Amino acid sequence: MFQKQTFKIEDIYVPVKRRKTLKPETVDEIAQSMLEEGQLTPIMVRPDKDHFILVEGLHRLEACRALGEETIEGFIVEARFH
């Protein structure tokens, strides 16, 4: 079972391929929801040397960044090897 943790936003790397899927209107909607209700769903990251790589939760991450947050809640997951 995953244990929720707090991560520094500056320590999370977003892969270029994932960044291309960003929708500003979705970020705005999530940011508004976070102002009203807080972060409801944690992001998922995987460790990589001295930072974390975003696995899931791009719009939540960017909403927190837009709100000026320095941290975000999430889970650490293991990388899948094919």
Protein backbone atom coordinates (compact mmCIF):
# COMPACT_ATOMS: atom_id res chain seq x y z
CA MET A 1 0.00 0.00 0.00
CA PHE A 2 1.21 3.49 -0.83
CA GLN A 3 1.98 6.04 1.85
CA LYS A 4 1.19 9.67 1.04
CA GLN A 5 4.21 11.99 1.19
CA THR A 6 4.92 15.67 0.61
CA PHE A 7 7.28 16.61 -2.21
CA LYS A 8 8.93 19.90 -3.15
CA ILE A 9 7.52 20.96 -6.50
CA GLU A 10 10.97 22.10 -7.62
CA ASP A 11 12.25 18.52 -7.16
CA ILE A 12 9.75 17.05 -9.65
CA TYR A 13 10.81 16.67 -13.28
CA VAL A 14 8.10 16.54 -15.95
CA PRO A 15 9.15 14.62 -19.09
CA VAL A 16 8.84 16.58 -22.35
CA LYS A 17 6.36 14.11 -23.82
CA ARG A 18 4.07 14.54 -20.80
CA ARG A 19 4.41 18.37 -20.86
CA LYS A 20 2.95 18.40 -24.38
CA THR A 21 -0.38 17.13 -22.99
CA LEU A 22 -0.87 20.17 -20.72
CA LYS A 23 -4.24 21.92 -21.06
CA PRO A 24 -4.25 25.39 -19.42
CA GLU A 25 -8.04 25.36 -18.96
CA THR A 26 -7.78 22.12 -16.96
CA VAL A 27 -5.04 23.63 -14.80
CA ASP A 28 -7.31 26.61 -14.08
CA GLU A 29 -10.23 24.35 -13.12
CA ILE A 30 -8.09 22.24 -10.80
CA ALA A 31 -6.50 25.33 -9.24
CA GLN A 32 -9.95 26.70 -8.46
CA SER A 33 -10.99 23.37 -6.95
CA MET A 34 -7.82 23.29 -4.84
CA LEU A 35 -8.58 26.76 -3.50
CA GLU A 36 -12.02 25.58 -2.43
CA GLU A 37 -11.34 22.00 -1.30
CA GLY A 38 -7.57 21.48 -1.17
CA GLN A 39 -5.69 18.78 -3.04
CA LEU A 40 -8.00 15.78 -3.17
CA THR A 41 -5.94 13.38 -5.29
CA PRO A 42 -2.20 12.84 -4.77
CA ILE A 43 0.18 12.81 -7.73
CA MET A 44 2.47 9.85 -8.50
CA VAL A 45 6.24 10.15 -8.90
CA ARG A 46 9.16 7.79 -9.19
CA PRO A 47 12.62 8.43 -7.77
CA ASP A 48 15.52 9.20 -10.12
CA LYS A 49 18.91 10.17 -8.67
CA ASP A 50 18.46 13.58 -7.02
CA HIS A 51 14.88 14.33 -8.09
CA PHE A 52 11.53 12.68 -8.86
CA ILE A 53 9.94 12.04 -12.25
CA LEU A 54 6.24 12.72 -12.62
CA VAL A 55 4.26 9.59 -13.48
CA GLU A 56 0.71 10.88 -13.02
CA GLY A 57 -0.81 14.24 -12.09
CA LEU A 58 0.54 16.88 -14.49
CA HIS A 59 -2.47 19.18 -14.18
CA ARG A 60 -2.52 18.91 -10.38
CA LEU A 61 1.20 19.71 -10.27
CA GLU A 62 0.80 22.72 -12.54
CA ALA A 63 -2.25 23.92 -10.58
CA CYS A 64 -0.21 23.89 -7.37
CA ARG A 65 2.62 25.71 -9.14
CA ALA A 66 0.14 28.33 -10.45
CA LEU A 67 -1.17 28.85 -6.91
CA GLY A 68 2.34 29.52 -5.67
CA GLU A 69 2.59 26.34 -3.64
CA GLU A 70 6.05 24.98 -2.87
CA THR A 71 4.97 21.42 -2.06
CA ILE A 72 2.47 18.84 -3.28
CA GLU A 73 1.18 15.55 -1.87
CA GLY A 74 1.89 12.35 -3.73
CA PHE A 75 2.90 8.72 -3.77
CA ILE A 76 6.19 7.14 -4.80
CA VAL A 77 5.71 4.36 -7.33
CA GLU A 78 8.22 1.98 -8.84
CA ALA A 79 9.24 2.25 -12.48
CA ARG A 80 7.90 -0.45 -14.75
CA PHE A 81 10.50 -2.34 -16.76
CA HIS A 82 9.31 -3.78 -20.07
